[in-house]
Amino acid sequence: SAFFGLLITMAVGAILGGLLAAAG
């Protein structure tokens, strides 16, 4: 469960980081 939580953490971070970069 923790590993899948890590995958979600990385996915959300990548998506939000991409949105921030796109906005910039």
PDB file of all heavy atoms in Angstrom:
ATOM      1  N   SER A   1       0.836  -1.208   0.000  1.00  0.00           N
ATOM      2  CA  SER A   1       0.000   0.000   0.000  1.00  0.00           C
ATOM      3  C   SER A   1       0.867   1.253   0.000  1.00  0.00           C
ATOM      4  O   SER A   1       0.583   2.223  -0.703  1.00  0.00           O
ATOM      5  CB  SER A   1      -0.918   0.008   1.225  1.00  0.00           C
ATOM      6  OG  SER A   1      -1.809  -1.075   1.185  1.00  0.00           O
ATOM      7  N   ALA A   2       1.926   1.223   0.808  1.00  0.00           N
ATOM      8  CA  ALA A   2       2.826   2.377   0.869  1.00  0.00           C
ATOM      9  C   ALA A   2       3.525   2.599  -0.464  1.00  0.00           C
ATOM     10  O   ALA A   2       3.727   3.743  -0.883  1.00  0.00           O
ATOM     11  CB  ALA A   2       3.855   2.180   1.984  1.00  0.00           C
ATOM     12  N   PHE A   3       3.894   1.518  -1.148  1.00  0.00           N
ATOM     13  CA  PHE A   3       4.556   1.655  -2.442  1.00  0.00           C
ATOM     14  C   PHE A   3       3.619   2.300  -3.464  1.00  0.00           C
ATOM     15  O   PHE A   3       4.014   3.188  -4.214  1.00  0.00           O
ATOM     16  CB  PHE A   3       5.054   0.303  -2.948  1.00  0.00           C
ATOM     17  CG  PHE A   3       5.712   0.379  -4.288  1.00  0.00           C
ATOM     18  CD1 PHE A   3       6.976   0.942  -4.416  1.00  0.00           C
ATOM     19  CD2 PHE A   3       5.078  -0.085  -5.422  1.00  0.00           C
ATOM     20  CE1 PHE A   3       7.597   1.032  -5.663  1.00  0.00           C
ATOM     21  CE2 PHE A   3       5.680   0.001  -6.665  1.00  0.00           C
ATOM     22  CZ  PHE A   3       6.948   0.558  -6.782  1.00  0.00           C
ATOM     23  N   PHE A   4       2.362   1.846  -3.477  1.00  0.00           N
ATOM     24  CA  PHE A   4       1.413   2.463  -4.398  1.00  0.00           C
ATOM     25  C   PHE A   4       1.135   3.910  -4.008  1.00  0.00           C
ATOM     26  O   PHE A   4       0.902   4.766  -4.866  1.00  0.00           O
ATOM     27  CB  PHE A   4       0.123   1.645  -4.471  1.00  0.00           C
ATOM     28  CG  PHE A   4       0.272   0.408  -5.305  1.00  0.00           C
ATOM     29  CD1 PHE A   4       0.339  -0.844  -4.714  1.00  0.00           C
ATOM     30  CD2 PHE A   4       0.372   0.491  -6.684  1.00  0.00           C
ATOM     31  CE1 PHE A   4       0.495  -1.984  -5.478  1.00  0.00           C
ATOM     32  CE2 PHE A   4       0.534  -0.644  -7.464  1.00  0.00           C
ATOM     33  CZ  PHE A   4       0.598  -1.893  -6.864  1.00  0.00           C
ATOM     34  N   GLY A   5       1.185   4.187  -2.710  1.00  0.00           N
ATOM     35  CA  GLY A   5       1.083   5.578  -2.270  1.00  0.00           C
ATOM     36  C   GLY A   5       2.240   6.410  -2.799  1.00  0.00           C
ATOM     37  O   GLY A   5       2.061   7.566  -3.202  1.00  0.00           O
ATOM     38  N   LEU A   6       3.441   5.823  -2.803  1.00  0.00           N
ATOM     39  CA  LEU A   6       4.600   6.521  -3.366  1.00  0.00           C
ATOM     40  C   LEU A   6       4.393   6.800  -4.853  1.00  0.00           C
ATOM     41  O   LEU A   6       4.705   7.901  -5.335  1.00  0.00           O
ATOM     42  CB  LEU A   6       5.866   5.685  -3.169  1.00  0.00           C
ATOM     43  CG  LEU A   6       7.104   6.218  -3.899  1.00  0.00           C
ATOM     44  CD1 LEU A   6       7.581   7.515  -3.266  1.00  0.00           C
ATOM     45  CD2 LEU A   6       8.213   5.187  -3.913  1.00  0.00           C
ATOM     46  N   LEU A   7       3.868   5.818  -5.591  1.00  0.00           N
ATOM     47  CA  LEU A   7       3.629   6.030  -7.019  1.00  0.00           C
ATOM     48  C   LEU A   7       2.655   7.186  -7.242  1.00  0.00           C
ATOM     49  O   LEU A   7       2.846   8.001  -8.150  1.00  0.00           O
ATOM     50  CB  LEU A   7       3.095   4.748  -7.666  1.00  0.00           C
ATOM     51  CG  LEU A   7       4.060   3.548  -7.686  1.00  0.00           C
ATOM     52  CD1 LEU A   7       3.404   2.366  -8.393  1.00  0.00           C
ATOM     53  CD2 LEU A   7       5.376   3.911  -8.354  1.00  0.00           C
ATOM     54  N   ILE A   8       1.618   7.269  -6.410  1.00  0.00           N
ATOM     55  CA  ILE A   8       0.666   8.376  -6.524  1.00  0.00           C
ATOM     56  C   ILE A   8       1.354   9.689  -6.183  1.00  0.00           C
ATOM     57  O   ILE A   8       1.131  10.716  -6.842  1.00  0.00           O
ATOM     58  CB  ILE A   8      -0.544   8.134  -5.601  1.00  0.00           C
ATOM     59  CG1 ILE A   8      -1.354   6.936  -6.091  1.00  0.00           C
ATOM     60  CG2 ILE A   8      -1.418   9.379  -5.510  1.00  0.00           C
ATOM     61  CD1 ILE A   8      -1.926   7.097  -7.486  1.00  0.00           C
ATOM     62  N   THR A   9       2.202   9.671  -5.161  1.00  0.00           N
ATOM     63  CA  THR A   9       2.952  10.881  -4.791  1.00  0.00           C
ATOM     64  C   THR A   9       3.768  11.388  -5.971  1.00  0.00           C
ATOM     65  O   THR A   9       3.746  12.577  -6.303  1.00  0.00           O
ATOM     66  CB  THR A   9       3.889  10.586  -3.601  1.00  0.00           C
ATOM     67  OG1 THR A   9       3.106  10.169  -2.484  1.00  0.00           O
ATOM     68  CG2 THR A   9       4.701  11.803  -3.215  1.00  0.00           C
ATOM     69  N   MET A  10       4.477  10.467  -6.621  1.00  0.00           N
ATOM     70  CA  MET A  10       5.311  10.855  -7.760  1.00  0.00           C
ATOM     71  C   MET A  10       4.465  11.334  -8.930  1.00  0.00           C
ATOM     72  O   MET A  10       4.810  12.313  -9.603  1.00  0.00           O
ATOM     73  CB  MET A  10       6.196   9.674  -8.167  1.00  0.00           C
ATOM     74  CG  MET A  10       7.206   9.281  -7.105  1.00  0.00           C
ATOM     75  SD  MET A  10       8.020   7.697  -7.397  1.00  0.00           S
ATOM     76  CE  MET A  10       8.876   8.018  -8.919  1.00  0.00           C
ATOM     77  N   ALA A  11       3.332  10.665  -9.172  1.00  0.00           N
ATOM     78  CA  ALA A  11       2.475  11.050 -10.299  1.00  0.00           C
ATOM     79  C   ALA A  11       1.866  12.426 -10.080  1.00  0.00           C
ATOM     80  O   ALA A  11       1.882  13.271 -10.986  1.00  0.00           O
ATOM     81  CB  ALA A  11       1.373  10.008 -10.491  1.00  0.00           C
ATOM     82  N   VAL A  12       1.349  12.673  -8.874  1.00  0.00           N
ATOM     83  CA  VAL A  12       0.750  13.984  -8.584  1.00  0.00           C
ATOM     84  C   VAL A  12       1.814  15.071  -8.671  1.00  0.00           C
ATOM     85  O   VAL A  12       1.583  16.151  -9.227  1.00  0.00           O
ATOM     86  CB  VAL A  12       0.071  13.976  -7.199  1.00  0.00           C
ATOM     87  CG1 VAL A  12      -0.334  15.374  -6.777  1.00  0.00           C
ATOM     88  CG2 VAL A  12      -1.144  13.061  -7.211  1.00  0.00           C
ATOM     89  N   GLY A  13       3.006  14.793  -8.121  1.00  0.00           N
ATOM     90  CA  GLY A  13       4.094  15.773  -8.202  1.00  0.00           C
ATOM     91  C   GLY A  13       4.471  16.088  -9.642  1.00  0.00           C
ATOM     92  O   GLY A  13       4.687  17.249  -9.999  1.00  0.00           O
ATOM     93  N   ALA A  14       4.543  15.038 -10.477  1.00  0.00           N
ATOM     94  CA  ALA A  14       4.902  15.251 -11.888  1.00  0.00           C
ATOM     95  C   ALA A  14       3.824  16.046 -12.625  1.00  0.00           C
ATOM     96  O   ALA A  14       4.132  16.960 -13.402  1.00  0.00           O
ATOM     97  CB  ALA A  14       5.128  13.908 -12.567  1.00  0.00           C
ATOM     98  N   ILE A  15       2.557  15.716 -12.363  1.00  0.00           N
ATOM     99  CA  ILE A  15       1.463  16.422 -13.049  1.00  0.00           C
ATOM    100  C   ILE A  15       1.431  17.884 -12.642  1.00  0.00           C
ATOM    101  O   ILE A  15       1.365  18.791 -13.489  1.00  0.00           O
ATOM    102  CB  ILE A  15       0.118  15.742 -12.750  1.00  0.00           C
ATOM    103  CG1 ILE A  15       0.062  14.374 -13.427  1.00  0.00           C
ATOM    104  CG2 ILE A  15      -1.051  16.619 -13.196  1.00  0.00           C
ATOM    105  CD1 ILE A  15      -1.086  13.502 -12.977  1.00  0.00           C
ATOM    106  N   LEU A  16       1.476  18.145 -11.329  1.00  0.00           N
ATOM    107  CA  LEU A  16       1.423  19.539 -10.864  1.00  0.00           C
ATOM    108  C   LEU A  16       2.672  20.306 -11.281  1.00  0.00           C
ATOM    109  O   LEU A  16       2.595  21.484 -11.627  1.00  0.00           O
ATOM    110  CB  LEU A  16       1.249  19.579  -9.343  1.00  0.00           C
ATOM    111  CG  LEU A  16      -0.080  19.033  -8.817  1.00  0.00           C
ATOM    112  CD1 LEU A  16      -0.122  19.115  -7.289  1.00  0.00           C
ATOM    113  CD2 LEU A  16      -1.249  19.794  -9.421  1.00  0.00           C
ATOM    114  N   GLY A  17       3.840  19.636 -11.258  1.00  0.00           N
ATOM    115  CA  GLY A  17       5.062  20.292 -11.721  1.00  0.00           C
ATOM    116  C   GLY A  17       4.984  20.645 -13.200  1.00  0.00           C
ATOM    117  O   GLY A  17       5.425  21.717 -13.617  1.00  0.00           O
ATOM    118  N   GLY A  18       4.408  19.726 -13.979  1.00  0.00           N
ATOM    119  CA  GLY A  18       4.223  20.007 -15.409  1.00  0.00           C
ATOM    120  C   GLY A  18       3.288  21.174 -15.649  1.00  0.00           C
ATOM    121  O   GLY A  18       3.531  22.024 -16.517  1.00  0.00           O
ATOM    122  N   LEU A  19       2.198  21.237 -14.864  1.00  0.00           N
ATOM    123  CA  LEU A  19       1.267  22.364 -14.986  1.00  0.00           C
ATOM    124  C   LEU A  19       1.939  23.682 -14.613  1.00  0.00           C
ATOM    125  O   LEU A  19       1.726  24.714 -15.263  1.00  0.00           O
ATOM    126  CB  LEU A  19       0.035  22.126 -14.107  1.00  0.00           C
ATOM    127  CG  LEU A  19      -0.909  21.010 -14.564  1.00  0.00           C
ATOM    128  CD1 LEU A  19      -2.008  20.799 -13.528  1.00  0.00           C
ATOM    129  CD2 LEU A  19      -1.506  21.333 -15.928  1.00  0.00           C
ATOM    130  N   LEU A  20       2.766  23.643 -13.564  1.00  0.00           N
ATOM    131  CA  LEU A  20       3.494  24.858 -13.163  1.00  0.00           C
ATOM    132  C   LEU A  20       4.450  25.300 -14.263  1.00  0.00           C
ATOM    133  O   LEU A  20       4.522  26.488 -14.600  1.00  0.00           O
ATOM    134  CB  LEU A  20       4.256  24.604 -11.860  1.00  0.00           C
ATOM    135  CG  LEU A  20       5.112  25.758 -11.342  1.00  0.00           C
ATOM    136  CD1 LEU A  20       4.234  26.952 -10.963  1.00  0.00           C
ATOM    137  CD2 LEU A  20       5.944  25.307 -10.144  1.00  0.00           C
ATOM    138  N   ALA A  21       5.172  24.332 -14.835  1.00  0.00           N
ATOM    139  CA  ALA A  21       6.106  24.662 -15.912  1.00  0.00           C
ATOM    140  C   ALA A  21       5.367  25.203 -17.134  1.00  0.00           C
ATOM    141  O   ALA A  21       5.821  26.167 -17.777  1.00  0.00           O
ATOM    142  CB  ALA A  21       6.924  23.432 -16.287  1.00  0.00           C
ATOM    143  N   ALA A  22       4.222  24.594 -17.447  1.00  0.00           N
ATOM    144  CA  ALA A  22       3.441  25.061 -18.598  1.00  0.00           C
ATOM    145  C   ALA A  22       2.925  26.479 -18.368  1.00  0.00           C
ATOM    146  O   ALA A  22       2.946  27.317 -19.282  1.00  0.00           O
ATOM    147  CB  ALA A  22       2.275  24.115 -18.861  1.00  0.00           C
ATOM    148  N   ALA A  23       2.478  26.762 -17.142  1.00  0.00           N
ATOM    149  CA  ALA A  23       2.001  28.112 -16.826  1.00  0.00           C
ATOM    150  C   ALA A  23       3.141  29.119 -16.944  1.00  0.00           C
ATOM    151  O   ALA A  23       2.965  30.219 -17.493  1.00  0.00           O
ATOM    152  CB  ALA A  23       1.407  28.148 -15.421  1.00  0.00           C
ATOM    153  N   GLY A  24       4.325  28.744 -16.459  1.00  0.00           N
ATOM    154  CA  GLY A  24       5.474  29.643 -16.573  1.00  0.00           C
ATOM    155  C   GLY A  24       5.863  29.891 -18.019  1.00  0.00           C
ATOM    156  O   GLY A  24       6.184  31.017 -18.409  1.00  0.00           O
TER     157      GLY A  24
END
